[in-house]
């Protein structure tokens, strides 16, 4: 688990994008593993990210920039698969 340090600022994002990234960071307290909370929230959150113009790669890069490891960030890609196809990716 990683969390954005209080003095860290992502650069080059809109206010709306930053709010979504902050919430995604908050949900990352379990590495975005599959559970009732992530099952309900992650597909909608990633859809909101896409609506705000954030690509999945931008989202993953932002989370890696604050210390999430590859395994945790891979979970985000799995949730993006769920959002797009209805099935959690591998």
PDB file of N, CA and C in Angstrom:
ATOM      1  N   UNK A   1       0.830  -1.181   0.000  1.00  0.00           N
ATOM      2  CA  UNK A   1       0.000   0.000   0.000  1.00  0.00           C
ATOM      3  C   UNK A   1       0.874   1.242   0.000  1.00  0.00           C
ATOM      4  N   UNK A   2       0.438   2.204  -0.737  1.00  0.00           N
ATOM      5  CA  UNK A   2       1.091   3.510  -0.757  1.00  0.00           C
ATOM      6  C   UNK A   2      -0.010   4.548  -0.574  1.00  0.00           C
ATOM      7  N   UNK A   3       0.367   5.696  -0.189  1.00  0.00           N
ATOM      8  CA  UNK A   3      -0.567   6.817  -0.115  1.00  0.00           C
ATOM      9  C   UNK A   3       0.194   8.059  -0.545  1.00  0.00           C
ATOM     10  N   UNK A   4      -0.519   8.961  -1.183  1.00  0.00           N
ATOM     11  CA  UNK A   4       0.098  10.193  -1.650  1.00  0.00           C
ATOM     12  C   UNK A   4       0.557  10.997  -0.441  1.00  0.00           C
ATOM     13  N   UNK A   5       1.837  11.363  -0.408  1.00  0.00           N
ATOM     14  CA  UNK A   5       2.314  12.216   0.686  1.00  0.00           C
ATOM     15  C   UNK A   5       1.549  13.546   0.691  1.00  0.00           C
ATOM     16  N   UNK A   6       1.348  14.098   1.853  1.00  0.00           N
ATOM     17  CA  UNK A   6       0.542  15.320   1.975  1.00  0.00           C
ATOM     18  C   UNK A   6       1.138  16.500   1.207  1.00  0.00           C
ATOM     19  N   UNK A   7       2.440  16.500   1.004  1.00  0.00           N
ATOM     20  CA  UNK A   7       3.072  17.620   0.300  1.00  0.00           C
ATOM     21  C   UNK A   7       3.272  17.346  -1.192  1.00  0.00           C
ATOM     22  N   UNK A   8       2.749  16.231  -1.701  1.00  0.00           N
ATOM     23  CA  UNK A   8       2.911  15.864  -3.107  1.00  0.00           C
ATOM     24  C   UNK A   8       1.790  16.476  -3.935  1.00  0.00           C
ATOM     25  N   UNK A   9       2.145  16.957  -5.140  1.00  0.00           N
ATOM     26  CA  UNK A   9       1.146  17.481  -6.064  1.00  0.00           C
ATOM     27  C   UNK A   9       1.382  16.903  -7.441  1.00  0.00           C
ATOM     28  N   UNK A  10       0.322  16.337  -8.026  1.00  0.00           N
ATOM     29  CA  UNK A  10       0.405  15.930  -9.420  1.00  0.00           C
ATOM     30  C   UNK A  10       0.318  17.187 -10.268  1.00  0.00           C
ATOM     31  N   UNK A  11       1.135  17.248 -11.313  1.00  0.00           N
ATOM     32  CA  UNK A  11       1.192  18.415 -12.194  1.00  0.00           C
ATOM     33  C   UNK A  11       0.546  18.055 -13.539  1.00  0.00           C
ATOM     34  N   UNK A  12      -0.174  18.999 -14.106  1.00  0.00           N
ATOM     35  CA  UNK A  12      -0.722  18.832 -15.445  1.00  0.00           C
ATOM     36  C   UNK A  12      -2.104  18.209 -15.502  1.00  0.00           C
ATOM     37  N   UNK A  13      -2.811  18.200 -14.384  1.00  0.00           N
ATOM     38  CA  UNK A  13      -4.156  17.648 -14.338  1.00  0.00           C
ATOM     39  C   UNK A  13      -5.144  18.743 -13.959  1.00  0.00           C
ATOM     40  N   UNK A  14      -6.386  18.577 -14.404  1.00  0.00           N
ATOM     41  CA  UNK A  14      -7.436  19.519 -14.031  1.00  0.00           C
ATOM     42  C   UNK A  14      -7.869  19.249 -12.588  1.00  0.00           C
ATOM     43  N   UNK A  15      -8.634  20.166 -12.034  1.00  0.00           N
ATOM     44  CA  UNK A  15      -9.134  19.986 -10.671  1.00  0.00           C
ATOM     45  C   UNK A  15      -9.979  18.715 -10.575  1.00  0.00           C
ATOM     46  N   UNK A  16     -10.840  18.496 -11.550  1.00  0.00           N
ATOM     47  CA  UNK A  16     -11.666  17.288 -11.562  1.00  0.00           C
ATOM     48  C   UNK A  16     -10.844  16.015 -11.635  1.00  0.00           C
ATOM     49  N   UNK A  17      -9.815  16.029 -12.461  1.00  0.00           N
ATOM     50  CA  UNK A  17      -8.931  14.867 -12.571  1.00  0.00           C
ATOM     51  C   UNK A  17      -8.203  14.613 -11.259  1.00  0.00           C
ATOM     52  N   UNK A  18      -7.743  15.683 -10.626  1.00  0.00           N
ATOM     53  CA  UNK A  18      -7.042  15.539  -9.346  1.00  0.00           C
ATOM     54  C   UNK A  18      -7.954  14.938  -8.275  1.00  0.00           C
ATOM     55  N   UNK A  19      -9.198  15.361  -8.246  1.00  0.00           N
ATOM     56  CA  UNK A  19     -10.140  14.798  -7.275  1.00  0.00           C
ATOM     57  C   UNK A  19     -10.332  13.299  -7.505  1.00  0.00           C
ATOM     58  N   UNK A  20     -10.427  12.900  -8.764  1.00  0.00           N
ATOM     59  CA  UNK A  20     -10.582  11.475  -9.083  1.00  0.00           C
ATOM     60  C   UNK A  20      -9.332  10.691  -8.702  1.00  0.00           C
ATOM     61  N   UNK A  21      -8.156  11.237  -8.994  1.00  0.00           N
ATOM     62  CA  UNK A  21      -6.905  10.565  -8.623  1.00  0.00           C
ATOM     63  C   UNK A  21      -6.783  10.443  -7.107  1.00  0.00           C
ATOM     64  N   UNK A  22      -7.172  11.484  -6.390  1.00  0.00           N
ATOM     65  CA  UNK A  22      -7.135  11.424  -4.923  1.00  0.00           C
ATOM     66  C   UNK A  22      -8.064  10.333  -4.389  1.00  0.00           C
ATOM     67  N   UNK A  23      -9.258  10.220  -4.963  1.00  0.00           N
ATOM     68  CA  UNK A  23     -10.190   9.189  -4.508  1.00  0.00           C
ATOM     69  C   UNK A  23      -9.672   7.801  -4.857  1.00  0.00           C
ATOM     70  N   UNK A  24      -9.078   7.663  -6.027  1.00  0.00           N
ATOM     71  CA  UNK A  24      -8.484   6.385  -6.411  1.00  0.00           C
ATOM     72  C   UNK A  24      -7.363   6.004  -5.448  1.00  0.00           C
ATOM     73  N   UNK A  25      -6.555   6.969  -5.069  1.00  0.00           N
ATOM     74  CA  UNK A  25      -5.503   6.740  -4.073  1.00  0.00           C
ATOM     75  C   UNK A  25      -6.129   6.277  -2.754  1.00  0.00           C
ATOM     76  N   UNK A  26      -7.194   6.927  -2.344  1.00  0.00           N
ATOM     77  CA  UNK A  26      -7.887   6.542  -1.112  1.00  0.00           C
ATOM     78  C   UNK A  26      -8.365   5.090  -1.181  1.00  0.00           C
ATOM     79  N   UNK A  27      -8.931   4.703  -2.313  1.00  0.00           N
ATOM     80  CA  UNK A  27      -9.402   3.319  -2.480  1.00  0.00           C
ATOM     81  C   UNK A  27      -8.246   2.328  -2.568  1.00  0.00           C
ATOM     82  N   UNK A  28      -7.072   2.811  -2.875  1.00  0.00           N
ATOM     83  CA  UNK A  28      -5.907   1.941  -3.026  1.00  0.00           C
ATOM     84  C   UNK A  28      -5.360   1.408  -1.721  1.00  0.00           C
ATOM     85  N   UNK A  29      -6.031   1.687  -0.613  1.00  0.00           N
ATOM     86  CA  UNK A  29      -5.534   1.230   0.679  1.00  0.00           C
ATOM     87  C   UNK A  29      -5.442  -0.289   0.760  1.00  0.00           C
ATOM     88  N   UNK A  30      -6.103  -0.996  -0.151  1.00  0.00           N
ATOM     89  CA  UNK A  30      -5.983  -2.457  -0.198  1.00  0.00           C
ATOM     90  C   UNK A  30      -5.377  -2.923  -1.515  1.00  0.00           C
ATOM     91  N   UNK A  31      -4.726  -2.016  -2.203  1.00  0.00           N
ATOM     92  CA  UNK A  31      -4.120  -2.366  -3.487  1.00  0.00           C
ATOM     93  C   UNK A  31      -5.140  -2.622  -4.584  1.00  0.00           C
ATOM     94  N   UNK A  32      -6.360  -2.149  -4.390  1.00  0.00           N
ATOM     95  CA  UNK A  32      -7.451  -2.317  -5.344  1.00  0.00           C
ATOM     96  C   UNK A  32      -7.803  -3.789  -5.567  1.00  0.00           C
ATOM     97  N   UNK A  33      -7.529  -4.633  -4.565  1.00  0.00           N
ATOM     98  CA  UNK A  33      -7.931  -6.029  -4.656  1.00  0.00           C
ATOM     99  C   UNK A  33      -9.449  -6.114  -4.734  1.00  0.00           C
ATOM    100  N   UNK A  34      -9.920  -7.212  -5.262  1.00  0.00           N
ATOM    101  CA  UNK A  34     -11.360  -7.396  -5.451  1.00  0.00           C
ATOM    102  C   UNK A  34     -12.064  -7.636  -4.112  1.00  0.00           C
ATOM    103  N   UNK A  35     -13.019  -6.784  -3.821  1.00  0.00           N
ATOM    104  CA  UNK A  35     -13.873  -6.945  -2.645  1.00  0.00           C
ATOM    105  C   UNK A  35     -15.173  -6.193  -2.926  1.00  0.00           C
ATOM    106  N   UNK A  36     -16.079  -6.213  -2.004  1.00  0.00           N
ATOM    107  CA  UNK A  36     -17.364  -5.559  -2.224  1.00  0.00           C
ATOM    108  C   UNK A  36     -17.248  -4.082  -2.559  1.00  0.00           C
ATOM    109  N   UNK A  37     -16.322  -3.401  -1.880  1.00  0.00           N
ATOM    110  CA  UNK A  37     -16.149  -1.959  -2.117  1.00  0.00           C
ATOM    111  C   UNK A  37     -15.612  -1.691  -3.522  1.00  0.00           C
ATOM    112  N   UNK A  38     -14.538  -2.386  -3.889  1.00  0.00           N
ATOM    113  CA  UNK A  38     -13.960  -2.137  -5.214  1.00  0.00           C
ATOM    114  C   UNK A  38     -14.889  -2.616  -6.322  1.00  0.00           C
ATOM    115  N   UNK A  39     -15.595  -3.704  -6.081  1.00  0.00           N
ATOM    116  CA  UNK A  39     -16.549  -4.224  -7.073  1.00  0.00           C
ATOM    117  C   UNK A  39     -17.597  -3.162  -7.415  1.00  0.00           C
ATOM    118  N   UNK A  40     -18.025  -2.440  -6.410  1.00  0.00           N
ATOM    119  CA  UNK A  40     -19.034  -1.403  -6.612  1.00  0.00           C
ATOM    120  C   UNK A  40     -18.444  -0.111  -7.169  1.00  0.00           C
ATOM    121  N   UNK A  41     -17.293   0.298  -6.667  1.00  0.00           N
ATOM    122  CA  UNK A  41     -16.780   1.634  -6.956  1.00  0.00           C
ATOM    123  C   UNK A  41     -15.822   1.744  -8.145  1.00  0.00           C
ATOM    124  N   UNK A  42     -14.981   0.745  -8.348  1.00  0.00           N
ATOM    125  CA  UNK A  42     -13.911   0.907  -9.343  1.00  0.00           C
ATOM    126  C   UNK A  42     -14.407   1.088 -10.777  1.00  0.00           C
ATOM    127  N   UNK A  43     -15.341   0.276 -11.274  1.00  0.00           N
ATOM    128  CA  UNK A  43     -15.783   0.519 -12.659  1.00  0.00           C
ATOM    129  C   UNK A  43     -16.359   1.929 -12.857  1.00  0.00           C
ATOM    130  N   UNK A  44     -17.152   2.394 -11.905  1.00  0.00           N
ATOM    131  CA  UNK A  44     -17.715   3.742 -12.013  1.00  0.00           C
ATOM    132  C   UNK A  44     -16.623   4.804 -11.921  1.00  0.00           C
ATOM    133  N   UNK A  45     -15.685   4.629 -11.002  1.00  0.00           N
ATOM    134  CA  UNK A  45     -14.605   5.603 -10.854  1.00  0.00           C
ATOM    135  C   UNK A  45     -13.756   5.677 -12.119  1.00  0.00           C
ATOM    136  N   UNK A  46     -13.441   4.539 -12.702  1.00  0.00           N
ATOM    137  CA  UNK A  46     -12.641   4.554 -13.929  1.00  0.00           C
ATOM    138  C   UNK A  46     -13.430   5.133 -15.100  1.00  0.00           C
ATOM    139  N   UNK A  47     -14.740   4.930 -15.111  1.00  0.00           N
ATOM    140  CA  UNK A  47     -15.576   5.574 -16.135  1.00  0.00           C
ATOM    141  C   UNK A  47     -15.544   7.095 -15.959  1.00  0.00           C
ATOM    142  N   UNK A  48     -15.602   7.545 -14.710  1.00  0.00           N
ATOM    143  CA  UNK A  48     -15.505   8.983 -14.436  1.00  0.00           C
ATOM    144  C   UNK A  48     -14.152   9.530 -14.875  1.00  0.00           C
ATOM    145  N   UNK A  49     -13.092   8.761 -14.649  1.00  0.00           N
ATOM    146  CA  UNK A  49     -11.758   9.179 -15.096  1.00  0.00           C
ATOM    147  C   UNK A  49     -11.735   9.349 -16.608  1.00  0.00           C
ATOM    148  N   UNK A  50     -12.301   8.373 -17.321  1.00  0.00           N
ATOM    149  CA  UNK A  50     -12.337   8.451 -18.785  1.00  0.00           C
ATOM    150  C   UNK A  50     -13.139   9.671 -19.241  1.00  0.00           C
ATOM    151  N   UNK A  51     -14.257   9.947 -18.584  1.00  0.00           N
ATOM    152  CA  UNK A  51     -15.080  11.114 -18.936  1.00  0.00           C
ATOM    153  C   UNK A  51     -14.318  12.415 -18.727  1.00  0.00           C
ATOM    154  N   UNK A  52     -13.418  12.417 -17.729  1.00  0.00           N
ATOM    155  CA  UNK A  52     -12.612  13.617 -17.445  1.00  0.00           C
ATOM    156  C   UNK A  52     -11.363  13.696 -18.319  1.00  0.00           C
ATOM    157  N   UNK A  53     -11.198  12.727 -19.223  1.00  0.00           N
ATOM    158  CA  UNK A  53     -10.081  12.764 -20.158  1.00  0.00           C
ATOM    159  C   UNK A  53      -8.821  12.076 -19.671  1.00  0.00           C
ATOM    160  N   UNK A  54      -8.924  11.272 -18.621  1.00  0.00           N
ATOM    161  CA  UNK A  54      -7.766  10.518 -18.120  1.00  0.00           C
ATOM    162  C   UNK A  54      -7.726   9.141 -18.768  1.00  0.00           C
ATOM    163  N   UNK A  55      -6.622   8.821 -19.394  1.00  0.00           N
ATOM    164  CA  UNK A  55      -6.450   7.472 -19.934  1.00  0.00           C
ATOM    165  C   UNK A  55      -6.053   6.531 -18.798  1.00  0.00           C
ATOM    166  N   UNK A  56      -6.244   5.252 -19.012  1.00  0.00           N
ATOM    167  CA  UNK A  56      -5.853   4.277 -17.993  1.00  0.00           C
ATOM    168  C   UNK A  56      -4.350   4.346 -17.754  1.00  0.00           C
ATOM    169  N   UNK A  57      -3.582   4.608 -18.794  1.00  0.00           N
ATOM    170  CA  UNK A  57      -2.126   4.726 -18.628  1.00  0.00           C
ATOM    171  C   UNK A  57      -1.762   5.935 -17.768  1.00  0.00           C
ATOM    172  N   UNK A  58      -2.459   7.046 -17.950  1.00  0.00           N
ATOM    173  CA  UNK A  58      -2.211   8.218 -17.108  1.00  0.00           C
ATOM    174  C   UNK A  58      -2.536   7.916 -15.651  1.00  0.00           C
ATOM    175  N   UNK A  59      -3.645   7.217 -15.437  1.00  0.00           N
ATOM    176  CA  UNK A  59      -4.057   6.866 -14.081  1.00  0.00           C
ATOM    177  C   UNK A  59      -2.998   5.973 -13.435  1.00  0.00           C
ATOM    178  N   UNK A  60      -2.563   4.958 -14.157  1.00  0.00           N
ATOM    179  CA  UNK A  60      -1.573   4.031 -13.612  1.00  0.00           C
ATOM    180  C   UNK A  60      -0.249   4.739 -13.328  1.00  0.00           C
ATOM    181  N   UNK A  61       0.170   5.598 -14.244  1.00  0.00           N
ATOM    182  CA  UNK A  61       1.416   6.343 -14.051  1.00  0.00           C
ATOM    183  C   UNK A  61       1.323   7.257 -12.827  1.00  0.00           C
ATOM    184  N   UNK A  62       0.171   7.901 -12.639  1.00  0.00           N
ATOM    185  CA  UNK A  62      -0.021   8.777 -11.477  1.00  0.00           C
ATOM    186  C   UNK A  62       0.091   7.981 -10.184  1.00  0.00           C
ATOM    187  N   UNK A  63      -0.494   6.786 -10.152  1.00  0.00           N
ATOM    188  CA  UNK A  63      -0.439   5.968  -8.936  1.00  0.00           C
ATOM    189  C   UNK A  63       0.984   5.444  -8.691  1.00  0.00           C
ATOM    190  N   UNK A  64       1.698   5.108  -9.748  1.00  0.00           N
ATOM    191  CA  UNK A  64       3.090   4.659  -9.579  1.00  0.00           C
ATOM    192  C   UNK A  64       3.970   5.811  -9.091  1.00  0.00           C
ATOM    193  N   UNK A  65       3.630   7.030  -9.490  1.00  0.00           N
ATOM    194  CA  UNK A  65       4.446   8.182  -9.095  1.00  0.00           C
ATOM    195  C   UNK A  65       4.386   8.449  -7.601  1.00  0.00           C
ATOM    196  N   UNK A  66       3.373   7.908  -6.917  1.00  0.00           N
ATOM    197  CA  UNK A  66       3.284   8.114  -5.468  1.00  0.00           C
ATOM    198  C   UNK A  66       3.630   6.851  -4.688  1.00  0.00           C
ATOM    199  N   UNK A  67       4.145   5.837  -5.405  1.00  0.00           N
ATOM    200  CA  UNK A  67       4.697   4.692  -4.696  1.00  0.00           C
ATOM    201  C   UNK A  67       3.975   3.369  -4.806  1.00  0.00           C
ATOM    202  N   UNK A  68       2.839   3.315  -5.511  1.00  0.00           N
ATOM    203  CA  UNK A  68       2.187   2.018  -5.693  1.00  0.00           C
ATOM    204  C   UNK A  68       3.058   1.149  -6.592  1.00  0.00           C
ATOM    205  N   UNK A  69       3.162  -0.126  -6.250  1.00  0.00           N
ATOM    206  CA  UNK A  69       4.005  -1.032  -7.036  1.00  0.00           C
ATOM    207  C   UNK A  69       3.246  -1.571  -8.251  1.00  0.00           C
ATOM    208  N   UNK A  70       3.978  -2.286  -9.101  1.00  0.00           N
ATOM    209  CA  UNK A  70       3.401  -2.798 -10.352  1.00  0.00           C
ATOM    210  C   UNK A  70       2.215  -3.738 -10.103  1.00  0.00           C
ATOM    211  N   UNK A  71       2.294  -4.565  -9.059  1.00  0.00           N
ATOM    212  CA  UNK A  71       1.211  -5.498  -8.776  1.00  0.00           C
ATOM    213  C   UNK A  71      -0.070  -4.736  -8.434  1.00  0.00           C
ATOM    214  N   UNK A  72       0.067  -3.734  -7.607  1.00  0.00           N
ATOM    215  CA  UNK A  72      -1.109  -2.949  -7.229  1.00  0.00           C
ATOM    216  C   UNK A  72      -1.673  -2.203  -8.436  1.00  0.00           C
ATOM    217  N   UNK A  73      -0.810  -1.583  -9.201  1.00  0.00           N
ATOM    218  CA  UNK A  73      -1.261  -0.803 -10.350  1.00  0.00           C
ATOM    219  C   UNK A  73      -1.864  -1.714 -11.422  1.00  0.00           C
ATOM    220  N   UNK A  74      -1.371  -2.952 -11.509  1.00  0.00           N
ATOM    221  CA  UNK A  74      -1.961  -3.913 -12.449  1.00  0.00           C
ATOM    222  C   UNK A  74      -3.440  -4.141 -12.132  1.00  0.00           C
ATOM    223  N   UNK A  75      -3.799  -4.059 -10.857  1.00  0.00           N
ATOM    224  CA  UNK A  75      -5.195  -4.220 -10.455  1.00  0.00           C
ATOM    225  C   UNK A  75      -6.077  -3.154 -11.112  1.00  0.00           C
ATOM    226  N   UNK A  76      -5.551  -1.965 -11.285  1.00  0.00           N
ATOM    227  CA  UNK A  76      -6.322  -0.901 -11.938  1.00  0.00           C
ATOM    228  C   UNK A  76      -6.651  -1.316 -13.368  1.00  0.00           C
ATOM    229  N   UNK A  77      -5.672  -1.878 -14.066  1.00  0.00           N
ATOM    230  CA  UNK A  77      -5.919  -2.338 -15.436  1.00  0.00           C
ATOM    231  C   UNK A  77      -6.981  -3.447 -15.447  1.00  0.00           C
ATOM    232  N   UNK A  78      -6.955  -4.318 -14.442  1.00  0.00           N
ATOM    233  CA  UNK A  78      -7.962  -5.378 -14.346  1.00  0.00           C
ATOM    234  C   UNK A  78      -9.356  -4.769 -14.177  1.00  0.00           C
ATOM    235  N   UNK A  79      -9.453  -3.725 -13.348  1.00  0.00           N
ATOM    236  CA  UNK A  79     -10.737  -3.068 -13.165  1.00  0.00           C
ATOM    237  C   UNK A  79     -11.178  -2.335 -14.434  1.00  0.00           C
ATOM    238  N   UNK A  80     -10.262  -1.821 -15.191  1.00  0.00           N
ATOM    239  CA  UNK A  80     -10.605  -1.184 -16.465  1.00  0.00           C
ATOM    240  C   UNK A  80     -11.190  -2.235 -17.407  1.00  0.00           C
ATOM    241  N   UNK A  81     -10.636  -3.434 -17.400  1.00  0.00           N
ATOM    242  CA  UNK A  81     -11.197  -4.517 -18.199  1.00  0.00           C
ATOM    243  C   UNK A  81     -12.630  -4.815 -17.773  1.00  0.00           C
ATOM    244  N   UNK A  82     -12.872  -4.833 -16.469  1.00  0.00           N
ATOM    245  CA  UNK A  82     -14.222  -5.061 -15.946  1.00  0.00           C
ATOM    246  C   UNK A  82     -15.167  -3.970 -16.425  1.00  0.00           C
ATOM    247  N   UNK A  83     -14.696  -2.749 -16.406  1.00  0.00           N
ATOM    248  CA  UNK A  83     -15.526  -1.629 -16.856  1.00  0.00           C
ATOM    249  C   UNK A  83     -15.881  -1.763 -18.335  1.00  0.00           C
ATOM    250  N   UNK A  84     -14.907  -2.166 -19.131  1.00  0.00           N
ATOM    251  CA  UNK A  84     -15.108  -2.208 -20.585  1.00  0.00           C
ATOM    252  C   UNK A  84     -15.797  -3.480 -21.081  1.00  0.00           C
ATOM    253  N   UNK A  85     -15.539  -4.608 -20.425  1.00  0.00           N
ATOM    254  CA  UNK A  85     -16.022  -5.894 -20.934  1.00  0.00           C
ATOM    255  C   UNK A  85     -17.008  -6.591 -19.996  1.00  0.00           C
ATOM    256  N   UNK A  86     -17.081  -6.115 -18.758  1.00  0.00           N
ATOM    257  CA  UNK A  86     -17.917  -6.787 -17.777  1.00  0.00           C
ATOM    258  C   UNK A  86     -17.214  -7.922 -17.052  1.00  0.00           C
ATOM    259  N   UNK A  87     -15.962  -8.185 -17.447  1.00  0.00           N
ATOM    260  CA  UNK A  87     -15.191  -9.261 -16.815  1.00  0.00           C
ATOM    261  C   UNK A  87     -13.886  -8.700 -16.259  1.00  0.00           C
ATOM    262  N   UNK A  88     -13.563  -9.110 -15.034  1.00  0.00           N
ATOM    263  CA  UNK A  88     -12.312  -8.677 -14.424  1.00  0.00           C
ATOM    264  C   UNK A  88     -11.155  -9.295 -15.200  1.00  0.00           C
ATOM    265  N   UNK A  89     -10.194  -8.466 -15.607  1.00  0.00           N
ATOM    266  CA  UNK A  89      -9.060  -8.946 -16.387  1.00  0.00           C
ATOM    267  C   UNK A  89      -8.110  -9.780 -15.563  1.00  0.00           C
ATOM    268  N   UNK A  90      -7.170 -10.381 -16.248  1.00  0.00           N
ATOM    269  CA  UNK A  90      -6.166 -11.216 -15.584  1.00  0.00           C
ATOM    270  C   UNK A  90      -4.890 -10.457 -15.349  1.00  0.00           C
TER     271      UNK A  90
END
